[in-house]
C-alpha atoms as a PDB file:
ATOM      1  CA  MET A   1       0.000   0.000   0.000  1.00  0.00           C
ATOM      2  CA  PRO A   2       1.380   3.493  -0.795  1.00  0.00           C
ATOM      3  CA  SER A   3       2.766   5.021   2.391  1.00  0.00           C
ATOM      4  CA  LEU A   4       1.531   8.345   3.711  1.00  0.00           C
ATOM      5  CA  PRO A   5       4.074  11.166   4.030  1.00  0.00           C
ATOM      6  CA  GLU A   6       4.634  12.542   7.509  1.00  0.00           C
ATOM      7  CA  ALA A   7       1.952  15.039   8.485  1.00  0.00           C
ATOM      8  CA  SER A   8       2.915  18.633   9.163  1.00  0.00           C
ATOM      9  CA  SER A   9       1.159  21.719  10.496  1.00  0.00           C
ATOM     10  CA  GLU A  10       1.041  23.104   6.965  1.00  0.00           C
ATOM     11  CA  ASP A  11      -1.531  20.542   5.832  1.00  0.00           C
ATOM     12  CA  THR A  12      -4.500  22.882   6.137  1.00  0.00           C
ATOM     13  CA  PHE A  13      -5.402  23.394   2.481  1.00  0.00           C
ATOM     14  CA  GLU A  14      -9.047  23.226   1.408  1.00  0.00           C
ATOM     15  CA  PHE A  15     -10.900  20.900  -0.927  1.00  0.00           C
ATOM     16  CA  LYS A  16     -13.915  21.598  -3.105  1.00  0.00           C
ATOM     17  CA  ASP A  17     -14.528  18.717  -5.466  1.00  0.00           C
ATOM     18  CA  ASP A  18     -15.443  15.066  -5.228  1.00  0.00           C
ATOM     19  CA  LEU A  19     -13.596  11.921  -6.201  1.00  0.00           C
ATOM     20  CA  GLU A  20     -12.532  11.626  -9.839  1.00  0.00           C
ATOM     21  CA  ASP A  21     -12.037   8.346 -11.670  1.00  0.00           C
ATOM     22  CA  ASP A  22      -9.444   9.870 -13.996  1.00  0.00           C
ATOM     23  CA  PRO A  23      -6.005   9.895 -12.271  1.00  0.00           C
ATOM     24  CA  GLU A  24      -4.946  13.301 -13.601  1.00  0.00           C
ATOM     25  CA  ARG A  25      -8.282  14.910 -12.754  1.00  0.00           C
ATOM     26  CA  PHE A  26      -8.179  13.348  -9.294  1.00  0.00           C
ATOM     27  CA  GLU A  27      -4.727  14.750  -8.532  1.00  0.00           C
ATOM     28  CA  GLU A  28      -5.539  18.136 -10.047  1.00  0.00           C
ATOM     29  CA  LYS A  29      -8.761  18.662  -8.117  1.00  0.00           C
ATOM     30  CA  VAL A  30      -7.686  17.315  -4.744  1.00  0.00           C
ATOM     31  CA  SER A  31      -4.237  18.937  -4.660  1.00  0.00           C
ATOM     32  CA  GLN A  32      -5.145  22.474  -5.704  1.00  0.00           C
ATOM     33  CA  GLY A  33      -2.762  24.978  -4.131  1.00  0.00           C
ATOM     34  CA  LEU A  34       0.065  22.502  -3.558  1.00  0.00           C
ATOM     35  CA  SER A  35       3.474  22.637  -5.219  1.00  0.00           C
ATOM     36  CA  SER A  36       4.381  19.840  -7.616  1.00  0.00           C
ATOM     37  CA  ASP A  37       6.947  18.411  -5.194  1.00  0.00           C
ATOM     38  CA  ASP A  38       4.715  18.590  -2.098  1.00  0.00           C
ATOM     39  CA  PRO A  39       4.719  15.189  -0.299  1.00  0.00           C
ATOM     40  CA  VAL A  40       0.919  15.226  -0.052  1.00  0.00           C
ATOM     41  CA  ARG A  41       0.587  15.785  -3.778  1.00  0.00           C
ATOM     42  CA  MET A  42       3.087  13.005  -4.433  1.00  0.00           C
ATOM     43  CA  TYR A  43       0.973  10.611  -2.366  1.00  0.00           C
ATOM     44  CA  LEU A  44      -2.196  11.646  -4.190  1.00  0.00           C
ATOM     45  CA  ARG A  45      -0.448  11.179  -7.529  1.00  0.00           C
ATOM     46  CA  GLU A  46       0.667   7.707  -6.500  1.00  0.00           C
ATOM     47  CA  ILE A  47      -2.759   6.459  -5.420  1.00  0.00           C
ATOM     48  CA  GLY A  48      -4.400   8.185  -8.380  1.00  0.00           C
ATOM     49  CA  ARG A  49      -2.550   5.858 -10.720  1.00  0.00           C
ATOM     50  CA  ILE A  50      -3.960   2.710  -9.134  1.00  0.00           C
ATOM     51  CA  PRO A  51      -6.742   1.421 -11.420  1.00  0.00           C
ATOM     52  CA  LEU A  52     -10.255   1.157 -10.042  1.00  0.00           C
ATOM     53  CA  LEU A  53     -12.055  -2.191  -9.975  1.00  0.00           C
ATOM     54  CA  THR A  54     -15.170  -3.415 -11.716  1.00  0.00           C
ATOM     55  CA  ALA A  55     -17.966  -4.994  -9.695  1.00  0.00           C
ATOM     56  CA  ASP A  56     -16.941  -8.441 -10.953  1.00  0.00           C
ATOM     57  CA  GLN A  57     -13.336  -7.857  -9.909  1.00  0.00           C
ATOM     58  CA  GLU A  58     -14.471  -6.808  -6.435  1.00  0.00           C
ATOM     59  CA  ILE A  59     -16.475 -10.011  -6.069  1.00  0.00           C
ATOM     60  CA  GLU A  60     -13.550 -12.135  -7.207  1.00  0.00           C
ATOM     61  CA  LEU A  61     -11.195 -10.467  -4.737  1.00  0.00           C
ATOM     62  CA  ALA A  62     -13.759 -10.788  -1.944  1.00  0.00           C
ATOM     63  CA  ARG A  63     -14.010 -14.513  -2.608  1.00  0.00           C
ATOM     64  CA  LYS A  64     -10.249 -14.890  -2.321  1.00  0.00           C
ATOM     65  CA  ILE A  65     -10.211 -12.867   0.893  1.00  0.00           C
ATOM     66  CA  GLU A  66     -12.874 -15.163   2.314  1.00  0.00           C
ATOM     67  CA  MET A  67     -10.734 -18.201   1.464  1.00  0.00           C
ATOM     68  CA  GLY A  68      -7.757 -16.710   3.304  1.00  0.00           C
ATOM     69  CA  GLY A  69      -4.157 -17.772   2.886  1.00  0.00           C
ATOM     70  CA  ALA A  70      -1.533 -16.026   0.782  1.00  0.00           C
ATOM     71  CA  GLU A  71      -3.940 -15.366  -2.090  1.00  0.00           C
ATOM     72  CA  GLY A  72      -6.433 -13.880   0.339  1.00  0.00           C
ATOM     73  CA  ALA A  73      -3.830 -11.494   1.739  1.00  0.00           C
ATOM     74  CA  ILE A  74      -2.852 -10.379  -1.765  1.00  0.00           C
ATOM     75  CA  ALA A  75      -6.511  -9.914  -2.707  1.00  0.00           C
ATOM     76  CA  LYS A  76      -7.189  -7.790   0.380  1.00  0.00           C
ATOM     77  CA  ARG A  77      -4.196  -5.599  -0.394  1.00  0.00           C
ATOM     78  CA  ARG A  78      -5.400  -5.069  -3.966  1.00  0.00           C
ATOM     79  CA  LEU A  79      -8.970  -4.303  -2.878  1.00  0.00           C
ATOM     80  CA  VAL A  80      -7.724  -1.757  -0.355  1.00  0.00           C
ATOM     81  CA  GLN A  81      -5.276  -0.090  -2.742  1.00  0.00           C
ATOM     82  CA  ALA A  82      -7.926   0.286  -5.437  1.00  0.00           C
ATOM     83  CA  ASN A  83     -10.127   2.217  -3.002  1.00  0.00           C
ATOM     84  CA  LEU A  84      -7.601   4.590  -1.439  1.00  0.00           C
ATOM     85  CA  ARG A  85      -9.074   7.433  -3.481  1.00  0.00           C
ATOM     86  CA  LEU A  86     -12.411   6.767  -1.804  1.00  0.00           C
ATOM     87  CA  VAL A  87     -10.768   7.439   1.564  1.00  0.00           C
ATOM     88  CA  VAL A  88      -9.376  10.755   0.303  1.00  0.00           C
ATOM     89  CA  SER A  89     -12.760  11.843  -1.065  1.00  0.00           C
ATOM     90  CA  ILE A  90     -14.385  11.145   2.319  1.00  0.00           C
ATOM     91  CA  ALA A  91     -11.547  12.463   4.499  1.00  0.00           C
ATOM     92  CA  LYS A  92     -11.457  15.843   2.734  1.00  0.00           C
ATOM     93  CA  LYS A  93     -15.002  16.522   3.975  1.00  0.00           C
ATOM     94  CA  TYR A  94     -13.752  16.408   7.572  1.00  0.00           C
ATOM     95  CA  VAL A  95     -10.882  18.895   7.168  1.00  0.00           C
ATOM     96  CA  GLY A  96     -11.076  21.685   9.736  1.00  0.00           C
ATOM     97  CA  ARG A  97     -12.558  19.582  12.520  1.00  0.00           C
ATOM     98  CA  GLY A  98      -9.473  19.283  14.669  1.00  0.00           C
ATOM     99  CA  MET A  99      -7.291  16.834  12.738  1.00  0.00           C
ATOM    100  CA  LEU A 100      -4.763  17.227   9.934  1.00  0.00           C
ATOM    101  CA  PHE A 101      -5.791  15.978   6.525  1.00  0.00           C
ATOM    102  CA  LEU A 102      -3.125  13.271   6.463  1.00  0.00           C
ATOM    103  CA  ASP A 103      -4.234  12.030   9.877  1.00  0.00           C
ATOM    104  CA  LEU A 104      -7.801  11.826   8.604  1.00  0.00           C
ATOM    105  CA  ILE A 105      -6.621   9.784   5.625  1.00  0.00           C
ATOM    106  CA  GLN A 106      -4.665   7.451   7.900  1.00  0.00           C
ATOM    107  CA  GLU A 107      -7.704   6.838  10.102  1.00  0.00           C
ATOM    108  CA  GLY A 108      -9.880   6.368   7.029  1.00  0.00           C
ATOM    109  CA  ASN A 109      -7.426   3.830   5.635  1.00  0.00           C
ATOM    110  CA  MET A 110      -7.806   1.788   8.820  1.00  0.00           C
ATOM    111  CA  GLY A 111     -11.563   1.786   8.301  1.00  0.00           C
ATOM    112  CA  LEU A 112     -11.054   0.746   4.675  1.00  0.00           C
ATOM    113  CA  ILE A 113      -8.926  -2.221   5.737  1.00  0.00           C
ATOM    114  CA  ARG A 114     -11.611  -3.258   8.206  1.00  0.00           C
ATOM    115  CA  ALA A 115     -14.225  -3.012   5.448  1.00  0.00           C
ATOM    116  CA  ALA A 116     -12.159  -5.268   3.183  1.00  0.00           C
ATOM    117  CA  GLU A 117     -12.050  -7.860   5.957  1.00  0.00           C
ATOM    118  CA  LYS A 118     -15.808  -7.710   6.653  1.00  0.00           C
ATOM    119  CA  PHE A 119     -17.190  -7.267   3.113  1.00  0.00           C
ATOM    120  CA  ASP A 120     -19.962  -9.723   2.212  1.00  0.00           C
ATOM    121  CA  TYR A 121     -20.047  -9.858  -1.587  1.00  0.00           C
ATOM    122  CA  GLU A 122     -23.153 -12.058  -1.584  1.00  0.00           C
ATOM    123  CA  ARG A 123     -25.340  -9.152  -0.461  1.00  0.00           C
ATOM    124  CA  GLY A 124     -25.192  -7.583  -3.902  1.00  0.00           C
ATOM    125  CA  TYR A 125     -23.952  -4.063  -3.147  1.00  0.00           C
ATOM    126  CA  LYS A 126     -20.713  -2.461  -4.312  1.00  0.00           C
ATOM    127  CA  PHE A 127     -17.698  -2.518  -2.043  1.00  0.00           C
ATOM    128  CA  SER A 128     -17.440   1.290  -2.083  1.00  0.00           C
ATOM    129  CA  THR A 129     -20.975   1.562  -0.693  1.00  0.00           C
ATOM    130  CA  TYR A 130     -20.104  -0.792   2.159  1.00  0.00           C
ATOM    131  CA  ALA A 131     -16.645   0.690   2.783  1.00  0.00           C
ATOM    132  CA  THR A 132     -17.960   4.249   3.054  1.00  0.00           C
ATOM    133  CA  TRP A 133     -19.658   3.418   6.373  1.00  0.00           C
ATOM    134  CA  TRP A 134     -16.467   1.943   7.856  1.00  0.00           C
ATOM    135  CA  ILE A 135     -14.311   4.826   6.625  1.00  0.00           C
ATOM    136  CA  ARG A 136     -16.640   7.455   8.060  1.00  0.00           C
ATOM    137  CA  GLN A 137     -16.902   5.611  11.352  1.00  0.00           C
ATOM    138  CA  ALA A 138     -13.107   5.393  11.678  1.00  0.00           C
ATOM    139  CA  ILE A 139     -12.669   9.093  10.896  1.00  0.00           C
ATOM    140  CA  THR A 140     -15.459  10.368  13.137  1.00  0.00           C
ATOM    141  CA  ARG A 141     -14.283   8.152  15.987  1.00  0.00           C
ATOM    142  CA  ALA A 142     -10.747   9.552  15.670  1.00  0.00           C
ATOM    143  CA  ILE A 143     -12.066  13.120  15.676  1.00  0.00           C
ATOM    144  CA  ALA A 144     -14.201  12.405  18.741  1.00  0.00           C
ATOM    145  CA  ASP A 145     -11.344  10.720  20.600  1.00  0.00           C
ATOM    146  CA  GLN A 146      -9.008  13.642  19.961  1.00  0.00           C
ATOM    147  CA  ALA A 147     -11.515  16.341  20.847  1.00  0.00           C
ATOM    148  CA  ARG A 148     -12.954  14.798  24.009  1.00  0.00           C
ATOM    149  CA  THR A 149     -11.580  13.491  27.273  1.00  0.00           C
ATOM    150  CA  ILE A 150     -14.345  10.873  27.210  1.00  0.00           C
ATOM    151  CA  ARG A 151     -15.417   8.624  24.349  1.00  0.00           C
ATOM    152  CA  ILE A 152     -18.534   9.817  22.566  1.00  0.00           C
ATOM    153  CA  PRO A 153     -20.554   7.260  20.595  1.00  0.00           C
ATOM    154  CA  VAL A 154     -20.088   7.605  16.862  1.00  0.00           C
ATOM    155  CA  HIS A 155     -23.814   8.211  16.351  1.00  0.00           C
ATOM    156  CA  MET A 156     -23.479  11.310  18.586  1.00  0.00           C
ATOM    157  CA  VAL A 157     -20.580  12.663  16.489  1.00  0.00           C
ATOM    158  CA  GLU A 158     -22.788  12.329  13.412  1.00  0.00           C
ATOM    159  CA  THR A 159     -25.656  14.061  15.250  1.00  0.00           C
ATOM    160  CA  ILE A 160     -23.356  16.952  16.204  1.00  0.00           C
ATOM    161  CA  ASN A 161     -22.303  17.321  12.576  1.00  0.00           C
ATOM    162  CA  LYS A 162     -25.970  17.388  11.554  1.00  0.00           C
ATOM    163  CA  LEU A 163     -26.646  20.081  14.164  1.00  0.00           C
ATOM    164  CA  LYS A 164     -23.912  22.285  12.689  1.00  0.00           C
ATOM    165  CA  LYS A 165     -25.205  21.828   9.130  1.00  0.00           C
ATOM    166  CA  VAL A 166     -28.817  22.545  10.094  1.00  0.00           C
ATOM    167  CA  THR A 167     -27.804  25.641  12.082  1.00  0.00           C
ATOM    168  CA  ARG A 168     -25.768  27.034   9.177  1.00  0.00           C
ATOM    169  CA  LYS A 169     -28.587  26.432   6.682  1.00  0.00           C
ATOM    170  CA  LEU A 170     -31.229  28.037   8.889  1.00  0.00           C
ATOM    171  CA  GLN A 171     -29.003  31.056   9.473  1.00  0.00           C
ATOM    172  CA  GLN A 172     -28.490  31.463   5.718  1.00  0.00           C
ATOM    173  CA  ASP A 173     -32.198  31.066   4.969  1.00  0.00           C
ATOM    174  CA  LYS A 174     -33.431  33.407   7.706  1.00  0.00           C
ATOM    175  CA  GLY A 175     -30.569  35.907   7.747  1.00  0.00           C
ATOM    176  CA  ARG A 176     -30.252  35.614  11.527  1.00  0.00           C
ATOM    177  CA  LYS A 177     -29.260  33.181  14.239  1.00  0.00           C
ATOM    178  CA  PRO A 178     -31.949  30.460  14.426  1.00  0.00           C
ATOM    179  CA  THR A 179     -33.801  29.817  17.673  1.00  0.00           C
ATOM    180  CA  GLU A 180     -33.651  26.535  19.558  1.00  0.00           C
ATOM    181  CA  GLU A 181     -37.241  25.847  18.546  1.00  0.00           C
ATOM    182  CA  GLU A 182     -36.417  26.267  14.847  1.00  0.00           C
ATOM    183  CA  ILE A 183     -33.356  24.014  15.051  1.00  0.00           C
ATOM    184  CA  ALA A 184     -35.196  21.342  17.038  1.00  0.00           C
ATOM    185  CA  GLU A 185     -38.094  21.370  14.576  1.00  0.00           C
ATOM    186  CA  SER A 186     -35.737  21.060  11.597  1.00  0.00           C
ATOM    187  CA  MET A 187     -33.892  18.142  13.231  1.00  0.00           C
ATOM    188  CA  GLU A 188     -37.178  16.567  14.383  1.00  0.00           C
ATOM    189  CA  ILE A 189     -36.052  16.305  18.006  1.00  0.00           C
ATOM    190  CA  SER A 190     -37.170  17.803  21.314  1.00  0.00           C
ATOM    191  CA  ILE A 191     -35.645  21.010  22.671  1.00  0.00           C
ATOM    192  CA  ALA A 192     -34.326  19.063  25.673  1.00  0.00           C
ATOM    193  CA  LYS A 193     -32.530  16.640  23.354  1.00  0.00           C
ATOM    194  CA  LEU A 194     -31.153  19.578  21.328  1.00  0.00           C
ATOM    195  CA  ARG A 195     -29.702  21.176  24.460  1.00  0.00           C
ATOM    196  CA  ASP A 196     -28.015  17.902  25.382  1.00  0.00           C
ATOM    197  CA  ILE A 197     -26.433  17.723  21.928  1.00  0.00           C
ATOM    198  CA  ILE A 198     -25.279  21.360  22.154  1.00  0.00           C
ATOM    199  CA  LYS A 199     -23.563  20.631  25.480  1.00  0.00           C
ATOM    200  CA  VAL A 200     -21.668  17.713  23.989  1.00  0.00           C
ATOM    201  CA  ALA A 201     -20.797  19.730  20.869  1.00  0.00           C
ATOM    202  CA  GLN A 202     -19.083  22.528  22.800  1.00  0.00           C
ATOM    203  CA  GLU A 203     -15.442  22.708  21.779  1.00  0.00           C
ATOM    204  CA  PRO A 204     -13.070  21.860  24.660  1.00  0.00           C
ATOM    205  CA  VAL A 205     -10.413  24.346  25.784  1.00  0.00           C
ATOM    206  CA  SER A 206      -7.024  22.939  26.694  1.00  0.00           C
ATOM    207  CA  LEU A 207      -5.889  23.366  30.295  1.00  0.00           C
ATOM    208  CA  GLU A 208      -2.478  24.186  28.789  1.00  0.00           C
ATOM    209  CA  THR A 209      -3.836  27.410  27.218  1.00  0.00           C
ATOM    210  CA  PRO A 210      -1.534  30.335  28.222  1.00  0.00           C
ATOM    211  CA  ILE A 211      -3.155  32.999  30.445  1.00  0.00           C
ATOM    212  CA  GLY A 212      -2.097  36.598  31.100  1.00  0.00           C
ATOM    213  CA  LYS A 213       0.025  39.142  29.268  1.00  0.00           C
ATOM    214  CA  GLU A 214       3.252  37.286  29.960  1.00  0.00           C
ATOM    215  CA  GLU A 215       1.579  33.953  29.184  1.00  0.00           C
ATOM    216  CA  ASP A 216       3.505  32.449  32.101  1.00  0.00           C
ATOM    217  CA  SER A 217       0.410  30.787  33.591  1.00  0.00           C
ATOM    218  CA  LYS A 218      -1.955  28.170  32.244  1.00  0.00           C
ATOM    219  CA  LEU A 219      -5.718  27.919  32.386  1.00  0.00           C
ATOM    220  CA  GLY A 220      -5.446  24.727  34.427  1.00  0.00           C
ATOM    221  CA  ASP A 221      -3.666  26.647  37.205  1.00  0.00           C
ATOM    222  CA  PHE A 222      -6.892  28.530  37.981  1.00  0.00           C
ATOM    223  CA  ILE A 223      -9.323  25.607  37.999  1.00  0.00           C
ATOM    224  CA  GLU A 224     -10.144  23.916  41.289  1.00  0.00           C
ATOM    225  CA  ASP A 225     -10.471  20.140  41.165  1.00  0.00           C
ATOM    226  CA  ARG A 226     -13.414  19.122  43.318  1.00  0.00           C
ATOM    227  CA  ASP A 227     -13.686  15.628  41.844  1.00  0.00           C
ATOM    228  CA  ALA A 228     -16.940  16.729  40.278  1.00  0.00           C
ATOM    229  CA  GLU A 229     -18.407  15.002  37.264  1.00  0.00           C
ATOM    230  CA  THR A 230     -17.689  16.952  34.088  1.00  0.00           C
ATOM    231  CA  PRO A 231     -20.629  18.437  32.142  1.00  0.00           C
ATOM    232  CA  ALA A 232     -19.761  16.222  29.162  1.00  0.00           C
ATOM    233  CA  ALA A 233     -19.800  13.130  31.361  1.00  0.00           C
ATOM    234  CA  SER A 234     -23.135  14.192  32.828  1.00  0.00           C
ATOM    235  CA  VAL A 235     -24.631  14.689  29.377  1.00  0.00           C
ATOM    236  CA  THR A 236     -23.293  11.323  28.258  1.00  0.00           C
ATOM    237  CA  GLN A 237     -25.055   9.729  31.221  1.00  0.00           C
ATOM    238  CA  ASP A 238     -28.298  11.428  30.171  1.00  0.00           C
ATOM    239  CA  LEU A 239     -27.885  10.161  26.624  1.00  0.00           C
ATOM    240  CA  LEU A 240     -27.089   6.683  27.919  1.00  0.00           C
ATOM    241  CA  ARG A 241     -30.269   6.746  29.972  1.00  0.00           C
ATOM    242  CA  GLU A 242     -32.272   7.723  26.879  1.00  0.00           C
ATOM    243  CA  ASP A 243     -30.704   4.936  24.838  1.00  0.00           C
ATOM    244  CA  ILE A 244     -31.460   2.437  27.603  1.00  0.00           C
ATOM    245  CA  HIS A 245     -35.117   3.456  27.543  1.00  0.00           C
ATOM    246  CA  GLU A 246     -35.236   3.095  23.754  1.00  0.00           C
ATOM    247  CA  VAL A 247     -33.652  -0.356  23.893  1.00  0.00           C
ATOM    248  CA  MET A 248     -36.085  -1.376  26.618  1.00  0.00           C
ATOM    249  CA  ALA A 249     -38.984  -0.513  24.323  1.00  0.00           C
ATOM    250  CA  SER A 250     -38.540  -4.007  22.884  1.00  0.00           C
ATOM    251  CA  LEU A 251     -39.568  -5.522  26.238  1.00  0.00           C
ATOM    252  CA  SER A 252     -43.079  -6.143  27.486  1.00  0.00           C
ATOM    253  CA  PRO A 253     -44.585  -3.433  29.756  1.00  0.00           C
ATOM    254  CA  ARG A 254     -44.181  -5.641  32.832  1.00  0.00           C
ATOM    255  CA  GLU A 255     -40.551  -6.460  32.002  1.00  0.00           C
ATOM    256  CA  ARG A 256     -39.783  -2.756  31.545  1.00  0.00           C
ATOM    257  CA  ASP A 257     -41.425  -1.834  34.836  1.00  0.00           C
ATOM    258  CA  VAL A 258     -39.569  -4.563  36.728  1.00  0.00           C
ATOM    259  CA  LEU A 259     -36.167  -3.431  35.397  1.00  0.00           C
ATOM    260  CA  ARG A 260     -36.936   0.233  36.077  1.00  0.00           C
ATOM    261  CA  LEU A 261     -37.747  -0.556  39.690  1.00  0.00           C
ATOM    262  CA  ARG A 262     -34.959  -3.077  40.238  1.00  0.00           C
ATOM    263  CA  PHE A 263     -32.226  -0.809  38.821  1.00  0.00           C
ATOM    264  CA  GLY A 264     -33.682   2.563  39.798  1.00  0.00           C
ATOM    265  CA  LEU A 265     -33.737   3.843  36.235  1.00  0.00           C
ATOM    266  CA  ASP A 266     -36.385   6.473  36.963  1.00  0.00           C
ATOM    267  CA  ASP A 267     -35.460   7.827  40.399  1.00  0.00           C
ATOM    268  CA  GLY A 268     -32.076   6.261  41.210  1.00  0.00           C
ATOM    269  CA  ARG A 269     -33.507   4.049  43.969  1.00  0.00           C
ATOM    270  CA  GLN A 270     -33.015   0.314  43.463  1.00  0.00           C
ATOM    271  CA  ARG A 271     -35.838  -1.851  44.840  1.00  0.00           C
ATOM    272  CA  THR A 272     -35.382  -5.339  46.214  1.00  0.00           C
ATOM    273  CA  LEU A 273     -37.084  -8.375  44.689  1.00  0.00           C
ATOM    274  CA  GLU A 274     -39.465  -8.422  47.629  1.00  0.00           C
ATOM    275  CA  GLU A 275     -40.409  -4.738  47.244  1.00  0.00           C
ATOM    276  CA  VAL A 276     -41.123  -5.135  43.532  1.00  0.00           C
ATOM    277  CA  GLY A 277     -43.066  -8.324  44.218  1.00  0.00           C
ATOM    278  CA  GLN A 278     -45.309  -6.488  46.664  1.00  0.00           C
ATOM    279  CA  LEU A 279     -45.992  -3.749  44.107  1.00  0.00           C
ATOM    280  CA  PHE A 280     -47.024  -6.313  41.484  1.00  0.00           C
ATOM    281  CA  GLY A 281     -48.754  -8.670  43.910  1.00  0.00           C
ATOM    282  CA  VAL A 282     -46.504 -11.637  43.057  1.00  0.00           C
ATOM    283  CA  THR A 283     -43.700 -13.528  44.771  1.00  0.00           C
ATOM    284  CA  ARG A 284     -40.085 -12.379  44.753  1.00  0.00           C
ATOM    285  CA  GLU A 285     -39.206 -15.524  42.785  1.00  0.00           C
ATOM    286  CA  ARG A 286     -41.624 -14.505  40.033  1.00  0.00           C
ATOM    287  CA  ILE A 287     -39.984 -11.062  39.867  1.00  0.00           C
ATOM    288  CA  ARG A 288     -36.562 -12.714  39.648  1.00  0.00           C
ATOM    289  CA  GLN A 289     -37.773 -14.798  36.696  1.00  0.00           C
ATOM    290  CA  ILE A 290     -39.184 -11.750  34.894  1.00  0.00           C
ATOM    291  CA  GLU A 291     -35.961  -9.841  35.489  1.00  0.00           C
ATOM    292  CA  ALA A 292     -33.794 -12.700  34.205  1.00  0.00           C
ATOM    293  CA  LYS A 293     -35.901 -13.054  31.059  1.00  0.00           C
ATOM    294  CA  ALA A 294     -35.753  -9.315  30.356  1.00  0.00           C
ATOM    295  CA  LEU A 295     -31.977  -9.205  30.792  1.00  0.00           C
ATOM    296  CA  ARG A 296     -31.559 -12.131  28.406  1.00  0.00           C
ATOM    297  CA  LYS A 297     -33.482 -10.177  25.780  1.00  0.00           C
ATOM    298  CA  LEU A 298     -31.333  -7.081  26.296  1.00  0.00           C
ATOM    299  CA  ARG A 299     -28.143  -9.109  25.871  1.00  0.00           C
ATOM    300  CA  HIS A 300     -29.152 -10.008  22.315  1.00  0.00           C
ATOM    301  CA  PRO A 301     -26.605  -8.442  19.888  1.00  0.00           C
ATOM    302  CA  ASN A 302     -29.289  -6.483  18.038  1.00  0.00           C
ATOM    303  CA  ARG A 303     -30.260  -4.728  21.278  1.00  0.00           C
ATOM    304  CA  SER A 304     -26.916  -4.522  23.088  1.00  0.00           C
ATOM    305  CA  ARG A 305     -24.931  -3.115  20.130  1.00  0.00           C
ATOM    306  CA  ARG A 306     -26.170   0.429  20.700  1.00  0.00           C
ATOM    307  CA  LEU A 307     -25.256   0.440  24.385  1.00  0.00           C
ATOM    308  CA  ARG A 308     -21.847  -1.107  23.724  1.00  0.00           C
ATOM    309  CA  GLU A 309     -20.697   2.230  22.259  1.00  0.00           C
ATOM    310  CA  TYR A 310     -20.600   3.650  25.795  1.00  0.00           C
ATOM    311  CA  ILE A 311     -18.139   1.076  27.132  1.00  0.00           C
ATOM    312  CA  ASP A 312     -15.834   0.501  24.127  1.00  0.00           C
END
């Protein structure tokens, strides 16, 4: 695979156009403003010369990857190399969000490799369609990890990006700063949910930021540590609670009520089996059985996948 040049602080150029199949057009459009000997442009020129694959070729390579062995490794390498331009076309859309362009490409390449390993050619869709999800996930996760002291689920990063786009569009359309009600209506969410997203979206300020005329002090020197939960952590807990309630919607009403009482999901107070049994007019053993059945349902991959984002 072509190697990325070392990233530098100068890699802040802008991009305007989408992926081009023609190698010369690809290099020309993506590397506007760069000198001919710039290492970034050299990398783009190198990957631009790698021929793209037909759908039949993708299927053939995917079959070899599935078989494994030396041929499988070679096939995976070829599939990845032929789609490096896809990574560039996606990564350029995330420039200006806290990471250098080359770092975005590197993260996207990791997602591309993962996609090549997981691609199921029997489903009938093109590899690029499947790989796009993995590339975006890898890039948005890297941006979130760098910008936050806690891990934010990928779906929240995407929601924050949507918030920014909607806000910009409303401001352009109305010629003024949109209200919370207008943004919430456009995003089809409640105002409370919008405020939670805004809290998470706030850009962090480094504790190493110089303070004062002489810049001989740092912001962190003036902040008292009271072991308090950070606002971002508090918001994440709120979002986790919402996701738990949504996942629990797949349970029966009685199963939901039992878990809410047993784990204190509504008021923070955990009830004993006996207390819950008295509320429902059944034995504590019956409550234990209902609880066990509900937890088994929640452990199903289709239900637990969403919550797993919070502990990865």
